[in-house]
PDB file of N, CA and C in Angstrom:
ATOM      1  N   UNK A   1       3.706 -87.779  88.145  1.00  0.00           N
ATOM      2  CA  UNK A   1       4.079 -88.545  86.967  1.00  0.00           C
ATOM      3  C   UNK A   1       5.584 -88.857  87.072  1.00  0.00           C
ATOM      4  N   UNK A   2       5.941 -90.027  86.695  1.00  0.00           N
ATOM      5  CA  UNK A   2       7.325 -90.469  86.773  1.00  0.00           C
ATOM      6  C   UNK A   2       8.183 -89.737  85.746  1.00  0.00           C
ATOM      7  N   UNK A   3       9.373 -89.311  86.160  1.00  0.00           N
ATOM      8  CA  UNK A   3      10.269 -88.560  85.277  1.00  0.00           C
ATOM      9  C   UNK A   3      10.717 -89.400  84.077  1.00  0.00           C
ATOM     10  N   UNK A   4      10.824 -90.706  84.253  1.00  0.00           N
ATOM     11  CA  UNK A   4      11.214 -91.581  83.139  1.00  0.00           C
ATOM     12  C   UNK A   4      10.150 -91.581  82.048  1.00  0.00           C
ATOM     13  N   UNK A   5       8.891 -91.519  82.461  1.00  0.00           N
ATOM     14  CA  UNK A   5       7.804 -91.492  81.477  1.00  0.00           C
ATOM     15  C   UNK A   5       7.836 -90.184  80.702  1.00  0.00           C
ATOM     16  N   UNK A   6       8.062 -89.093  81.406  1.00  0.00           N
ATOM     17  CA  UNK A   6       8.135 -87.793  80.742  1.00  0.00           C
ATOM     18  C   UNK A   6       9.290 -87.775  79.747  1.00  0.00           C
ATOM     19  N   UNK A   7      10.435 -88.288  80.158  1.00  0.00           N
ATOM     20  CA  UNK A   7      11.604 -88.341  79.265  1.00  0.00           C
ATOM     21  C   UNK A   7      11.325 -89.202  78.041  1.00  0.00           C
ATOM     22  N   UNK A   8      10.605 -90.295  78.226  1.00  0.00           N
ATOM     23  CA  UNK A   8      10.269 -91.183  77.109  1.00  0.00           C
ATOM     24  C   UNK A   8       9.376 -90.452  76.107  1.00  0.00           C
ATOM     25  N   UNK A   9       8.394 -89.696  76.592  1.00  0.00           N
ATOM     26  CA  UNK A   9       7.519 -88.960  75.685  1.00  0.00           C
ATOM     27  C   UNK A   9       8.262 -87.844  74.960  1.00  0.00           C
ATOM     28  N   UNK A  10       9.198 -87.201  75.647  1.00  0.00           N
ATOM     29  CA  UNK A  10      10.003 -86.158  74.999  1.00  0.00           C
ATOM     30  C   UNK A  10      10.851 -86.767  73.893  1.00  0.00           C
ATOM     31  N   UNK A  11      11.473 -87.918  74.174  1.00  0.00           N
ATOM     32  CA  UNK A  11      12.288 -88.595  73.163  1.00  0.00           C
ATOM     33  C   UNK A  11      11.425 -89.026  71.980  1.00  0.00           C
ATOM     34  N   UNK A  12      10.223 -89.502  72.254  1.00  0.00           N
ATOM     35  CA  UNK A  12       9.310 -89.924  71.189  1.00  0.00           C
ATOM     36  C   UNK A  12       8.908 -88.734  70.324  1.00  0.00           C
ATOM     37  N   UNK A  13       8.643 -87.598  70.939  1.00  0.00           N
ATOM     38  CA  UNK A  13       8.270 -86.399  70.188  1.00  0.00           C
ATOM     39  C   UNK A  13       9.415 -85.938  69.288  1.00  0.00           C
ATOM     40  N   UNK A  14      10.649 -85.992  69.785  1.00  0.00           N
ATOM     41  CA  UNK A  14      11.807 -85.622  68.971  1.00  0.00           C
ATOM     42  C   UNK A  14      11.966 -86.577  67.791  1.00  0.00           C
ATOM     43  N   UNK A  15      11.757 -87.863  68.046  1.00  0.00           N
ATOM     44  CA  UNK A  15      11.872 -88.858  66.982  1.00  0.00           C
ATOM     45  C   UNK A  15      10.847 -88.610  65.888  1.00  0.00           C
ATOM     46  N   UNK A  16       9.619 -88.319  66.287  1.00  0.00           N
ATOM     47  CA  UNK A  16       8.554 -88.071  65.311  1.00  0.00           C
ATOM     48  C   UNK A  16       8.868 -86.825  64.485  1.00  0.00           C
ATOM     49  N   UNK A  17       9.401 -85.798  65.108  1.00  0.00           N
ATOM     50  CA  UNK A  17       9.754 -84.575  64.390  1.00  0.00           C
ATOM     51  C   UNK A  17      10.839 -84.857  63.359  1.00  0.00           C
ATOM     52  N   UNK A  18      11.841 -85.638  63.727  1.00  0.00           N
ATOM     53  CA  UNK A  18      12.911 -85.980  62.794  1.00  0.00           C
ATOM     54  C   UNK A  18      12.380 -86.856  61.668  1.00  0.00           C
ATOM     55  N   UNK A  19      11.484 -87.775  61.988  1.00  0.00           N
ATOM     56  CA  UNK A  19      10.906 -88.671  60.993  1.00  0.00           C
ATOM     57  C   UNK A  19      10.130 -87.874  59.948  1.00  0.00           C
ATOM     58  N   UNK A  20       9.417 -86.852  60.383  1.00  0.00           N
ATOM     59  CA  UNK A  20       8.669 -86.001  59.460  1.00  0.00           C
ATOM     60  C   UNK A  20       9.598 -85.281  58.496  1.00  0.00           C
ATOM     61  N   UNK A  21      10.743 -84.821  58.994  1.00  0.00           N
ATOM     62  CA  UNK A  21      11.718 -84.162  58.131  1.00  0.00           C
ATOM     63  C   UNK A  21      12.265 -85.131  57.088  1.00  0.00           C
ATOM     64  N   UNK A  22      12.518 -86.353  57.491  1.00  0.00           N
ATOM     65  CA  UNK A  22      13.049 -87.367  56.569  1.00  0.00           C
ATOM     66  C   UNK A  22      12.025 -87.665  55.474  1.00  0.00           C
ATOM     67  N   UNK A  23      10.770 -87.773  55.842  1.00  0.00           N
ATOM     68  CA  UNK A  23       9.724 -88.032  54.850  1.00  0.00           C
ATOM     69  C   UNK A  23       9.652 -86.900  53.842  1.00  0.00           C
ATOM     70  N   UNK A  24       9.754 -85.667  54.315  1.00  0.00           N
ATOM     71  CA  UNK A  24       9.715 -84.516  53.416  1.00  0.00           C
ATOM     72  C   UNK A  24      10.894 -84.535  52.445  1.00  0.00           C
ATOM     73  N   UNK A  25      12.070 -84.875  52.940  1.00  0.00           N
ATOM     74  CA  UNK A  25      13.250 -84.939  52.082  1.00  0.00           C
ATOM     75  C   UNK A  25      13.117 -86.054  51.053  1.00  0.00           C
ATOM     76  N   UNK A  26      12.567 -87.189  51.451  1.00  0.00           N
ATOM     77  CA  UNK A  26      12.371 -88.295  50.511  1.00  0.00           C
ATOM     78  C   UNK A  26      11.382 -87.926  49.412  1.00  0.00           C
ATOM     79  N   UNK A  27      10.349 -87.182  49.758  1.00  0.00           N
ATOM     80  CA  UNK A  27       9.378 -86.754  48.754  1.00  0.00           C
ATOM     81  C   UNK A  27      10.026 -85.797  47.756  1.00  0.00           C
ATOM     82  N   UNK A  28      10.887 -84.910  48.246  1.00  0.00           N
ATOM     83  CA  UNK A  28      11.605 -84.006  47.344  1.00  0.00           C
ATOM     84  C   UNK A  28      12.496 -84.789  46.385  1.00  0.00           C
ATOM     85  N   UNK A  29      13.201 -85.786  46.911  1.00  0.00           N
ATOM     86  CA  UNK A  29      14.062 -86.608  46.054  1.00  0.00           C
ATOM     87  C   UNK A  29      13.241 -87.385  45.031  1.00  0.00           C
ATOM     88  N   UNK A  30      12.088 -87.877  45.446  1.00  0.00           N
ATOM     89  CA  UNK A  30      11.225 -88.628  44.538  1.00  0.00           C
ATOM     90  C   UNK A  30      10.778 -87.746  43.369  1.00  0.00           C
ATOM     91  N   UNK A  31      10.441 -86.496  43.654  1.00  0.00           N
ATOM     92  CA  UNK A  31      10.033 -85.577  42.594  1.00  0.00           C
ATOM     93  C   UNK A  31      11.192 -85.299  41.640  1.00  0.00           C
ATOM     94  N   UNK A  32      12.379 -85.116  42.175  1.00  0.00           N
ATOM     95  CA  UNK A  32      13.547 -84.859  41.323  1.00  0.00           C
ATOM     96  C   UNK A  32      13.840 -86.048  40.413  1.00  0.00           C
ATOM     97  N   UNK A  33      13.782 -87.240  40.986  1.00  0.00           N
ATOM     98  CA  UNK A  33      14.071 -88.439  40.208  1.00  0.00           C
ATOM     99  C   UNK A  33      13.026 -88.618  39.111  1.00  0.00           C
ATOM    100  N   UNK A  34      11.772 -88.339  39.439  1.00  0.00           N
ATOM    101  CA  UNK A  34      10.704 -88.442  38.451  1.00  0.00           C
ATOM    102  C   UNK A  34      10.945 -87.501  37.284  1.00  0.00           C
ATOM    103  N   UNK A  35      11.396 -86.292  37.579  1.00  0.00           N
ATOM    104  CA  UNK A  35      11.688 -85.332  36.517  1.00  0.00           C
ATOM    105  C   UNK A  35      12.876 -85.792  35.677  1.00  0.00           C
ATOM    106  N   UNK A  36      13.880 -86.338  36.321  1.00  0.00           N
ATOM    107  CA  UNK A  36      15.057 -86.807  35.590  1.00  0.00           C
ATOM    108  C   UNK A  36      14.701 -87.981  34.687  1.00  0.00           C
ATOM    109  N   UNK A  37      13.853 -88.866  35.173  1.00  0.00           N
ATOM    110  CA  UNK A  37      13.434 -90.004  34.355  1.00  0.00           C
ATOM    111  C   UNK A  37      12.718 -89.530  33.092  1.00  0.00           C
ATOM    112  N   UNK A  38      11.865 -88.544  33.248  1.00  0.00           N
ATOM    113  CA  UNK A  38      11.135 -88.021  32.094  1.00  0.00           C
ATOM    114  C   UNK A  38      12.103 -87.381  31.103  1.00  0.00           C
ATOM    115  N   UNK A  39      13.078 -86.660  31.601  1.00  0.00           N
ATOM    116  CA  UNK A  39      14.056 -86.022  30.726  1.00  0.00           C
ATOM    117  C   UNK A  39      14.918 -87.064  30.009  1.00  0.00           C
ATOM    118  N   UNK A  40      15.311 -88.104  30.728  1.00  0.00           N
ATOM    119  CA  UNK A  40      16.109 -89.157  30.100  1.00  0.00           C
ATOM    120  C   UNK A  40      15.312 -89.881  29.021  1.00  0.00           C
ATOM    121  N   UNK A  41      14.038 -90.118  29.259  1.00  0.00           N
ATOM    122  CA  UNK A  41      13.202 -90.765  28.250  1.00  0.00           C
ATOM    123  C   UNK A  41      13.111 -89.922  26.993  1.00  0.00           C
ATOM    124  N   UNK A  42      13.028 -88.603  27.143  1.00  0.00           N
ATOM    125  CA  UNK A  42      12.985 -87.721  25.985  1.00  0.00           C
ATOM    126  C   UNK A  42      14.305 -87.791  25.208  1.00  0.00           C
ATOM    127  N   UNK A  43      15.411 -87.869  25.915  1.00  0.00           N
ATOM    128  CA  UNK A  43      16.730 -87.973  25.261  1.00  0.00           C
ATOM    129  C   UNK A  43      16.820 -89.285  24.509  1.00  0.00           C
ATOM    130  N   UNK A  44      16.391 -90.369  25.132  1.00  0.00           N
ATOM    131  CA  UNK A  44      16.452 -91.675  24.465  1.00  0.00           C
ATOM    132  C   UNK A  44      15.584 -91.713  23.212  1.00  0.00           C
ATOM    133  N   UNK A  45      14.422 -91.092  23.281  1.00  0.00           N
ATOM    134  CA  UNK A  45      13.536 -91.058  22.131  1.00  0.00           C
ATOM    135  C   UNK A  45      14.143 -90.212  21.009  1.00  0.00           C
ATOM    136  N   UNK A  46      14.835 -89.152  21.362  1.00  0.00           N
ATOM    137  CA  UNK A  46      15.463 -88.293  20.352  1.00  0.00           C
ATOM    138  C   UNK A  46      16.607 -89.022  19.650  1.00  0.00           C
ATOM    139  N   UNK A  47      17.285 -89.869  20.388  1.00  0.00           N
ATOM    140  CA  UNK A  47      18.412 -90.620  19.797  1.00  0.00           C
ATOM    141  C   UNK A  47      17.844 -91.713  18.916  1.00  0.00           C
TER     142      UNK A  47
END
């Protein structure tokens, strides 16, 4: 097997691993923002 092909697959695997971490972080941020929106709506209704 050509060494360039092996290197390409290794780079692809690293990219996929990093992409998965980014998706997880975005989901965490989405949950936080959703909670903040709900809290802000309660404040606006109280005012």
